[in-house]
Amino acid sequence: MYANREPIQESPCDICRPEFRDDNMDALRIYDLVKYQYIMSMSGAVDVNHMAVWKAIEKYGIKNERETFEKVLTLCRWHINEMAKRRES
């Protein structure tokens, strides 16, 4: 997209993309496993399947289970809100 602009520009993603912190890596790993386990309604995703999140946390032997669970839910809520914004526009 940016390469086709006049004058040619670099994508800002490399500049503004946040770095993943080590204390969030477990949550990101679990989110990557369960990101398609959404509970759906007629208007789209409403939540992630909590049982799937807990099972993934258990299977991968995550030490900070509750903290990781909360971080995964936060990430899923953010993603659901982003999907809703795209649907509305």
C-alpha atoms as a PDB file:
ATOM      1  CA  MET A   1       0.000   0.000   0.000  1.00  0.00           C
ATOM      2  CA  TYR A   2       2.678   2.507   0.982  1.00  0.00           C
ATOM      3  CA  ALA A   3       4.998   1.419  -1.828  1.00  0.00           C
ATOM      4  CA  ASN A   4       2.370   2.545  -4.377  1.00  0.00           C
ATOM      5  CA  ARG A   5       2.184   6.094  -3.032  1.00  0.00           C
ATOM      6  CA  GLU A   6       3.791   9.100  -4.631  1.00  0.00           C
ATOM      7  CA  PRO A   7       6.368   9.719  -3.305  1.00  0.00           C
ATOM      8  CA  ILE A   8       7.090   6.154  -2.136  1.00  0.00           C
ATOM      9  CA  GLN A   9       6.733   5.827   1.636  1.00  0.00           C
ATOM     10  CA  GLU A  10       7.612   3.182   4.173  1.00  0.00           C
ATOM     11  CA  SER A  11       4.851   1.613   6.226  1.00  0.00           C
ATOM     12  CA  PRO A  12       4.613   3.192   9.681  1.00  0.00           C
ATOM     13  CA  CYS A  13       4.025  -0.232  11.260  1.00  0.00           C
ATOM     14  CA  ASP A  14       7.696  -0.808  11.923  1.00  0.00           C
ATOM     15  CA  ILE A  15       7.886   2.558  13.650  1.00  0.00           C
ATOM     16  CA  CYS A  16       4.759   2.405  15.807  1.00  0.00           C
ATOM     17  CA  ARG A  17       4.472  -1.347  16.479  1.00  0.00           C
ATOM     18  CA  PRO A  18       4.827  -1.946  20.231  1.00  0.00           C
ATOM     19  CA  GLU A  19       7.469  -4.366  21.386  1.00  0.00           C
ATOM     20  CA  PHE A  20       6.244  -7.473  23.141  1.00  0.00           C
ATOM     21  CA  ARG A  21       7.366  -7.502  26.753  1.00  0.00           C
ATOM     22  CA  ASP A  22       8.632 -10.724  28.284  1.00  0.00           C
ATOM     23  CA  ASP A  23       5.969 -10.617  31.021  1.00  0.00           C
ATOM     24  CA  ASN A  24       3.229 -10.807  28.363  1.00  0.00           C
ATOM     25  CA  MET A  25       4.642 -13.637  26.258  1.00  0.00           C
ATOM     26  CA  ASP A  26       2.666 -16.394  28.007  1.00  0.00           C
ATOM     27  CA  ALA A  27      -0.592 -14.515  27.435  1.00  0.00           C
ATOM     28  CA  LEU A  28       0.275 -13.900  23.778  1.00  0.00           C
ATOM     29  CA  ARG A  29       1.122 -17.574  23.298  1.00  0.00           C
ATOM     30  CA  ILE A  30      -2.179 -18.674  24.853  1.00  0.00           C
ATOM     31  CA  TYR A  31      -4.135 -16.053  22.895  1.00  0.00           C
ATOM     32  CA  ASP A  32      -2.600 -17.362  19.678  1.00  0.00           C
ATOM     33  CA  LEU A  33      -3.923 -20.819  20.535  1.00  0.00           C
ATOM     34  CA  VAL A  34      -7.478 -19.764  21.420  1.00  0.00           C
ATOM     35  CA  LYS A  35      -8.037 -16.755  19.164  1.00  0.00           C
ATOM     36  CA  TYR A  36     -10.610 -18.637  17.082  1.00  0.00           C
ATOM     37  CA  GLN A  37     -12.566 -19.957  20.080  1.00  0.00           C
ATOM     38  CA  TYR A  38     -14.983 -17.043  20.198  1.00  0.00           C
ATOM     39  CA  ILE A  39     -18.549 -17.339  21.402  1.00  0.00           C
ATOM     40  CA  MET A  40     -20.659 -15.901  18.611  1.00  0.00           C
ATOM     41  CA  SER A  41     -24.010 -14.151  18.458  1.00  0.00           C
ATOM     42  CA  MET A  42     -25.967 -12.820  15.515  1.00  0.00           C
ATOM     43  CA  SER A  43     -23.998  -9.567  15.738  1.00  0.00           C
ATOM     44  CA  GLY A  44     -20.561 -11.185  15.964  1.00  0.00           C
ATOM     45  CA  ALA A  45     -18.167 -12.353  18.658  1.00  0.00           C
ATOM     46  CA  VAL A  46     -19.178 -11.631  22.261  1.00  0.00           C
ATOM     47  CA  ASP A  47     -16.459 -13.390  24.261  1.00  0.00           C
ATOM     48  CA  VAL A  48     -13.791 -16.036  24.095  1.00  0.00           C
ATOM     49  CA  ASN A  49     -14.488 -19.533  25.400  1.00  0.00           C
ATOM     50  CA  HIS A  50     -13.049 -19.393  28.931  1.00  0.00           C
ATOM     51  CA  MET A  51     -12.792 -23.177  29.127  1.00  0.00           C
ATOM     52  CA  ALA A  52     -10.535 -23.174  26.052  1.00  0.00           C
ATOM     53  CA  VAL A  53      -8.316 -20.510  27.638  1.00  0.00           C
ATOM     54  CA  TRP A  54      -8.026 -22.410  30.927  1.00  0.00           C
ATOM     55  CA  LYS A  55      -7.305 -25.695  29.128  1.00  0.00           C
ATOM     56  CA  ALA A  56      -4.533 -24.096  27.066  1.00  0.00           C
ATOM     57  CA  ILE A  57      -3.041 -22.532  30.204  1.00  0.00           C
ATOM     58  CA  GLU A  58      -3.144 -25.927  31.908  1.00  0.00           C
ATOM     59  CA  LYS A  59      -1.680 -27.851  28.956  1.00  0.00           C
ATOM     60  CA  TYR A  60       1.190 -25.419  28.478  1.00  0.00           C
ATOM     61  CA  GLY A  61       2.062 -25.367  32.183  1.00  0.00           C
ATOM     62  CA  ILE A  62       1.785 -21.615  32.630  1.00  0.00           C
ATOM     63  CA  LYS A  63       2.912 -20.610  36.129  1.00  0.00           C
ATOM     64  CA  ASN A  64       0.923 -17.387  36.608  1.00  0.00           C
ATOM     65  CA  GLU A  65      -2.401 -18.897  35.615  1.00  0.00           C
ATOM     66  CA  ARG A  66      -4.786 -16.202  36.857  1.00  0.00           C
ATOM     67  CA  GLU A  67      -2.683 -13.298  35.607  1.00  0.00           C
ATOM     68  CA  THR A  68      -2.288 -14.951  32.198  1.00  0.00           C
ATOM     69  CA  PHE A  69      -6.026 -15.684  32.021  1.00  0.00           C
ATOM     70  CA  GLU A  70      -6.841 -12.028  32.728  1.00  0.00           C
ATOM     71  CA  LYS A  71      -4.351 -10.815  30.110  1.00  0.00           C
ATOM     72  CA  VAL A  72      -5.789 -13.177  27.491  1.00  0.00           C
ATOM     73  CA  LEU A  73      -9.317 -11.941  28.245  1.00  0.00           C
ATOM     74  CA  THR A  74      -8.166  -8.334  27.955  1.00  0.00           C
ATOM     75  CA  LEU A  75      -6.582  -9.068  24.586  1.00  0.00           C
ATOM     76  CA  CYS A  76      -9.694 -10.897  23.379  1.00  0.00           C
ATOM     77  CA  ARG A  77     -11.961  -8.021  24.450  1.00  0.00           C
ATOM     78  CA  TRP A  78      -9.737  -5.597  22.575  1.00  0.00           C
ATOM     79  CA  HIS A  79      -9.887  -7.793  19.477  1.00  0.00           C
ATOM     80  CA  ILE A  80     -13.680  -8.129  19.697  1.00  0.00           C
ATOM     81  CA  ASN A  81     -14.014  -4.343  19.964  1.00  0.00           C
ATOM     82  CA  GLU A  82     -11.763  -3.886  16.927  1.00  0.00           C
ATOM     83  CA  MET A  83     -13.869  -6.342  14.917  1.00  0.00           C
ATOM     84  CA  ALA A  84     -17.026  -4.452  15.945  1.00  0.00           C
ATOM     85  CA  LYS A  85     -15.525  -1.138  14.840  1.00  0.00           C
ATOM     86  CA  ARG A  86     -14.722  -2.617  11.424  1.00  0.00           C
ATOM     87  CA  ARG A  87     -18.260  -3.954  11.055  1.00  0.00           C
ATOM     88  CA  GLU A  88     -19.722  -0.538  11.846  1.00  0.00           C
ATOM     89  CA  SER A  89     -17.604   1.334   9.321  1.00  0.00           C
END
